[in-house]
Amino acid sequence: MGCLTYKHSFNSGDLLTMMPGMQKIYRETGQKAIILQRLNLPADYGHNIPHPVKNENGVQVCMNKQMFDMMKPLIEAQEYVERFDVWEGESVDFDFDLTRMNAQMPLPGGSIHHWASLIFPQLECDLSKQWIECGLGYGSKKIIINRTGRYQNPYINYFFLKEHQDHIEFAGTEKEHEMFCNEWGLNIRYLKVDNFLALAKHISNSRFMVGGQSLAWHISDGMKQRRILEVCSAYPNTFPTGANGYSFISQVSLEFQFNKLLKETE
């Protein structure tokens, strides 16, 4: 049956939103995905907030070698993926660069999960189905929080987590962890992982996750773990897909959903 090749040049979270279409094609045809990632494409996010992914010269890029290496175990753990390699100029069956090059694309609006199928209709699929597996189910009593310096909602705060902080772990960079704790006066344990398959296992084994529009959110969304999304008011292009997903733009909504899942997972 052979494999189909997919070229991707953008961020790690973006790649995860392209993968349900690959899974659908595999289930229909038996053709696994060979995903070829372009490294060190310069990144312009339309804002001045620094992104931690940079090349060796300190320039912001979509994905560098370190991020690629952390992604590889997670990507290759999926049944429908044959391998995840660095793109070296090969021709491919699906070039996801076209999702950013077509003037008709509604960027940065619209749901990011549909960007690929707007260009490649054969990737249209049922997003309510799980497309990320990591081999673990529920079991932990920890709540995972992830918040980057980007794509935030400026109308909410996390001071209310103080009474729950013994049951929370923070996933992200060490700097993001430090900023989060300092901003909200919290003392939350830092969750350090060697790769993103390990992060997926922690998320899968958690009570639930609260996160922004980031890689960690897309892992949780792909696994259909219990999850709450902080929707970015300036760039609202990510929303929950399928079961167990909730979102908020207000403090009332955040605390309502948090307390709801807290009670459900007691």
Protein backbone atom coordinates (compact mmCIF):
# COMPACT_ATOMS: atom_id res chain seq x y z
CA MET A 1 0.00 0.00 0.00
CA GLY A 2 2.96 2.30 0.51
CA CYS A 3 3.03 5.54 2.47
CA LEU A 4 2.02 9.12 1.84
CA THR A 5 4.40 11.99 2.50
CA TYR A 6 3.43 15.19 4.31
CA LYS A 7 5.65 18.27 4.53
CA HIS A 8 5.21 20.56 7.53
CA SER A 9 7.17 23.76 8.23
CA PHE A 10 5.41 25.31 11.18
CA ASN A 11 5.09 24.95 14.95
CA SER A 12 4.72 21.73 16.88
CA GLY A 13 1.16 22.43 18.01
CA ASP A 14 0.14 23.26 14.43
CA LEU A 15 1.44 19.87 13.30
CA LEU A 16 -0.77 18.06 15.79
CA THR A 17 -3.85 19.73 14.30
CA MET A 18 -2.95 18.33 10.86
CA MET A 19 -2.69 14.76 12.08
CA PRO A 20 -6.35 13.71 12.36
CA GLY A 21 -6.58 13.96 8.57
CA MET A 22 -3.56 11.67 8.25
CA GLN A 23 -5.23 9.19 10.60
CA LYS A 24 -8.41 9.28 8.52
CA ILE A 25 -6.53 8.54 5.30
CA TYR A 26 -4.69 5.66 6.98
CA ARG A 27 -7.96 4.12 8.17
CA GLU A 28 -9.48 4.43 4.71
CA THR A 29 -6.50 3.30 2.61
CA GLY A 30 -3.95 1.67 4.91
CA GLN A 31 -1.36 4.24 3.81
CA LYS A 32 0.73 5.43 6.74
CA ALA A 33 2.15 8.93 7.00
CA ILE A 34 5.77 9.91 6.54
CA ILE A 35 5.91 13.39 8.05
CA LEU A 36 8.79 15.58 6.90
CA GLN A 37 9.41 18.61 9.10
CA ARG A 38 11.21 21.67 7.79
CA LEU A 39 13.45 23.11 10.50
CA ASN A 40 14.36 26.71 11.29
CA LEU A 41 11.74 28.49 9.21
CA PRO A 42 11.77 32.09 10.54
CA ALA A 43 8.60 32.82 12.51
CA ASP A 44 6.55 36.02 12.57
CA TYR A 45 3.60 35.68 14.94
CA GLY A 46 2.15 39.15 14.43
CA HIS A 47 3.01 40.27 17.97
CA ASN A 48 6.11 41.28 19.91
CA ILE A 49 5.94 38.60 22.62
CA PRO A 50 9.10 36.47 22.46
CA HIS A 51 8.78 32.81 21.52
CA PRO A 52 11.22 30.37 23.18
CA VAL A 53 11.91 28.39 19.99
CA LYS A 54 14.94 29.93 18.29
CA ASN A 55 17.72 28.87 15.96
CA GLU A 56 21.42 28.88 16.85
CA ASN A 57 21.60 32.60 16.04
CA GLY A 58 18.77 33.50 18.42
CA VAL A 59 16.22 34.11 15.65
CA GLN A 60 12.63 32.98 16.33
CA VAL A 61 11.78 29.93 14.22
CA CYS A 62 8.78 27.65 13.95
CA MET A 63 10.63 24.48 14.89
CA ASN A 64 14.29 23.88 15.72
CA LYS A 65 16.18 20.60 16.14
CA GLN A 66 15.55 20.45 19.88
CA MET A 67 11.80 20.73 19.42
CA PHE A 68 11.92 18.19 16.59
CA ASP A 69 13.74 15.71 18.83
CA MET A 70 11.18 16.23 21.60
CA MET A 71 8.30 15.75 19.15
CA LYS A 72 9.65 12.63 17.45
CA PRO A 73 8.71 10.03 20.13
CA LEU A 74 5.13 11.34 20.32
CA ILE A 75 4.62 11.50 16.55
CA GLU A 76 6.11 8.07 15.89
CA ALA A 77 4.03 6.51 18.68
CA GLN A 78 0.91 6.99 16.53
CA GLU A 79 -0.25 3.88 14.64
CA TYR A 80 -0.83 5.81 11.42
CA VAL A 81 2.67 7.36 11.28
CA GLU A 82 5.50 5.44 9.63
CA ARG A 83 8.17 7.94 10.64
CA PHE A 84 8.89 11.58 11.45
CA ASP A 85 11.99 12.94 9.70
CA VAL A 86 13.60 16.26 8.81
CA TRP A 87 12.61 17.57 5.38
CA GLU A 88 15.62 17.69 3.05
CA GLY A 89 13.98 19.14 -0.06
CA GLU A 90 12.01 16.06 -1.14
CA SER A 91 8.81 16.25 -3.18
CA VAL A 92 5.75 15.32 -1.12
CA ASP A 93 2.14 14.29 -1.58
CA PHE A 94 0.80 16.97 0.79
CA ASP A 95 2.64 20.26 1.30
CA PHE A 96 1.14 22.03 4.30
CA ASP A 97 3.02 25.21 3.40
CA LEU A 98 0.07 25.85 1.08
CA THR A 99 -2.12 26.50 4.11
CA ARG A 100 -0.15 29.72 4.72
CA MET A 101 0.57 30.69 1.11
CA ASN A 102 -2.97 30.75 -0.28
CA ALA A 103 -4.36 34.31 -0.23
CA GLN A 104 -7.88 32.94 0.26
CA MET A 105 -7.04 31.43 3.65
CA PRO A 106 -8.74 33.30 6.53
CA LEU A 107 -5.59 33.52 8.66
CA PRO A 108 -5.26 34.02 11.54
CA GLY A 109 -8.99 33.40 11.93
CA GLY A 110 -10.97 30.22 11.62
CA SER A 111 -10.37 26.95 13.41
CA ILE A 112 -6.76 25.83 12.92
CA HIS A 113 -7.95 22.21 12.76
CA HIS A 114 -9.62 22.96 9.41
CA TRP A 115 -6.78 24.85 7.75
CA ALA A 116 -5.36 21.72 6.12
CA SER A 117 -8.69 20.44 4.78
CA LEU A 118 -9.50 23.86 3.27
CA ILE A 119 -6.61 23.16 0.88
CA PHE A 120 -6.67 19.34 0.84
CA PRO A 121 -10.33 18.22 1.07
CA GLN A 122 -9.38 14.55 1.40
CA LEU A 123 -8.11 15.40 4.92
CA GLU A 124 -11.59 16.45 6.11
CA CYS A 125 -12.43 14.21 9.05
CA ASP A 126 -14.38 13.72 12.26
CA LEU A 127 -12.45 15.76 14.84
CA SER A 128 -14.45 14.27 17.71
CA LYS A 129 -12.42 11.05 17.35
CA GLN A 130 -9.18 10.59 19.29
CA TRP A 131 -6.07 10.94 17.12
CA ILE A 132 -3.28 10.93 19.71
CA GLU A 133 -2.48 7.82 21.74
CA CYS A 134 0.16 7.47 24.43
CA GLY A 135 -0.74 4.22 26.15
CA LEU A 136 -2.03 5.52 29.49
CA GLY A 137 -5.48 6.33 30.83
CA TYR A 138 -6.76 8.31 33.81
CA GLY A 139 -5.36 7.58 37.25
CA SER A 140 -3.45 10.54 38.67
CA LYS A 141 -4.91 13.10 41.05
CA LYS A 142 -2.82 15.95 39.61
CA ILE A 143 -4.26 18.83 37.62
CA ILE A 144 -1.97 20.09 34.86
CA ILE A 145 -1.72 23.79 34.05
CA ASN A 146 -0.01 25.15 30.94
CA ARG A 147 0.22 28.85 30.12
CA THR A 148 2.70 30.48 27.77
CA GLY A 149 3.44 34.17 27.42
CA ARG A 150 1.50 34.13 24.14
CA TYR A 151 -2.15 33.79 23.18
CA GLN A 152 -3.41 34.82 26.58
CA ASN A 153 -6.79 36.12 27.65
CA PRO A 154 -6.10 39.38 29.53
CA TYR A 155 -9.49 39.38 31.26
CA ILE A 156 -8.92 36.48 33.66
CA ASN A 157 -6.63 35.58 36.56
CA TYR A 158 -5.47 32.43 38.31
CA PHE A 159 -5.38 33.63 41.92
CA PHE A 160 -8.14 31.14 42.74
CA LEU A 161 -5.72 28.24 42.23
CA LYS A 162 -4.01 29.00 45.54
CA GLU A 163 -6.32 26.70 47.49
CA HIS A 164 -5.64 23.89 45.00
CA GLN A 165 -1.90 24.37 44.39
CA ASP A 166 -0.84 21.17 46.21
CA HIS A 167 -2.71 19.21 43.55
CA ILE A 168 -1.36 21.06 40.50
CA GLU A 169 1.65 20.62 38.23
CA PHE A 170 2.79 23.19 35.68
CA ALA A 171 3.79 22.01 32.19
CA GLY A 172 5.85 24.35 30.02
CA THR A 173 9.26 25.97 30.11
CA GLU A 174 10.96 26.78 33.39
CA LYS A 175 10.63 30.49 32.62
CA GLU A 176 6.89 30.12 31.97
CA HIS A 177 6.54 28.27 35.26
CA GLU A 178 8.40 31.00 37.13
CA MET A 179 6.33 33.77 35.52
CA PHE A 180 3.06 32.00 36.23
CA CYS A 181 3.85 31.43 39.90
CA ASN A 182 5.14 34.97 40.39
CA GLU A 183 2.20 36.61 38.66
CA TRP A 184 -0.46 34.82 40.68
CA GLY A 185 1.41 34.27 43.96
CA LEU A 186 1.45 30.49 43.63
CA ASN A 187 3.78 27.68 44.60
CA ILE A 188 3.12 24.99 42.02
CA ARG A 189 5.37 22.04 41.23
CA TYR A 190 7.19 22.18 37.87
CA LEU A 191 6.64 19.18 35.61
CA LYS A 192 9.89 18.48 33.77
CA VAL A 193 9.81 16.05 30.83
CA ASP A 194 12.43 14.79 28.38
CA ASN A 195 10.08 14.66 25.39
CA PHE A 196 6.47 15.28 24.43
CA LEU A 197 5.45 11.62 24.56
CA ALA A 198 6.27 11.81 28.27
CA LEU A 199 4.20 15.00 28.52
CA ALA A 200 1.29 13.22 26.82
CA LYS A 201 1.50 10.42 29.38
CA HIS A 202 1.34 12.93 32.23
CA ILE A 203 -1.62 14.70 30.65
CA SER A 204 -3.41 11.43 30.01
CA ASN A 205 -2.84 10.38 33.60
CA SER A 206 -4.03 13.68 35.09
CA ARG A 207 -7.41 14.63 36.56
CA PHE A 208 -7.74 17.27 33.88
CA MET A 209 -5.77 20.02 32.17
CA VAL A 210 -6.15 23.80 31.88
CA GLY A 211 -4.17 25.39 29.07
CA GLY A 212 -3.91 28.10 26.45
CA GLN A 213 -3.65 27.73 22.68
CA SER A 214 -0.42 25.75 22.78
CA LEU A 215 1.25 22.41 22.10
CA ALA A 216 0.17 21.00 25.46
CA TRP A 217 -3.45 21.91 24.74
CA HIS A 218 -3.33 20.20 21.32
CA ILE A 219 -1.91 17.04 22.91
CA SER A 220 -4.75 17.03 25.43
CA ASP A 221 -7.34 17.80 22.75
CA GLY A 222 -6.06 15.03 20.47
CA MET A 223 -6.29 12.53 23.34
CA LYS A 224 -9.75 13.82 24.38
CA GLN A 225 -8.57 14.19 27.95
CA ARG A 226 -10.68 16.35 30.26
CA ARG A 227 -9.50 19.85 29.38
CA ILE A 228 -10.31 23.55 29.65
CA LEU A 229 -9.06 26.04 27.06
CA GLU A 230 -8.14 29.66 27.71
CA VAL A 231 -9.31 31.20 24.44
CA CYS A 232 -7.08 34.04 23.24
CA SER A 233 -9.27 37.10 22.68
CA ALA A 234 -6.94 38.47 19.97
CA TYR A 235 -6.31 35.23 18.01
CA PRO A 236 -9.23 32.87 18.70
CA ASN A 237 -8.34 30.12 16.20
CA THR A 238 -8.36 27.10 18.53
CA PHE A 239 -11.35 25.47 20.21
CA PRO A 240 -12.04 22.10 21.84
CA THR A 241 -12.92 19.24 19.51
CA GLY A 242 -14.96 16.30 20.73
CA ALA A 243 -15.82 15.07 24.19
CA ASN A 244 -14.49 16.36 27.53
CA GLY A 245 -13.47 19.75 26.14
CA TYR A 246 -14.46 23.14 27.58
CA SER A 247 -13.37 26.73 26.95
CA PHE A 248 -13.69 30.18 28.49
CA ILE A 249 -13.20 33.89 27.89
CA SER A 250 -14.42 35.06 31.31
CA GLN A 251 -13.36 34.48 34.91
CA VAL A 252 -16.79 33.10 35.76
CA SER A 253 -16.56 30.51 32.97
CA LEU A 254 -13.04 29.46 33.96
CA GLU A 255 -13.90 28.89 37.61
CA PHE A 256 -17.21 27.20 36.74
CA GLN A 257 -15.53 24.68 34.44
CA PHE A 258 -12.61 24.16 36.84
CA ASN A 259 -14.92 23.40 39.76
CA LYS A 260 -17.09 21.18 37.56
CA LEU A 261 -14.15 18.98 36.56
CA LEU A 262 -12.75 19.09 40.09
CA LYS A 263 -15.96 17.58 41.38
CA GLU A 264 -16.21 15.03 38.57
CA THR A 265 -12.70 13.73 39.27
CA GLU A 266 -12.87 13.51 43.06
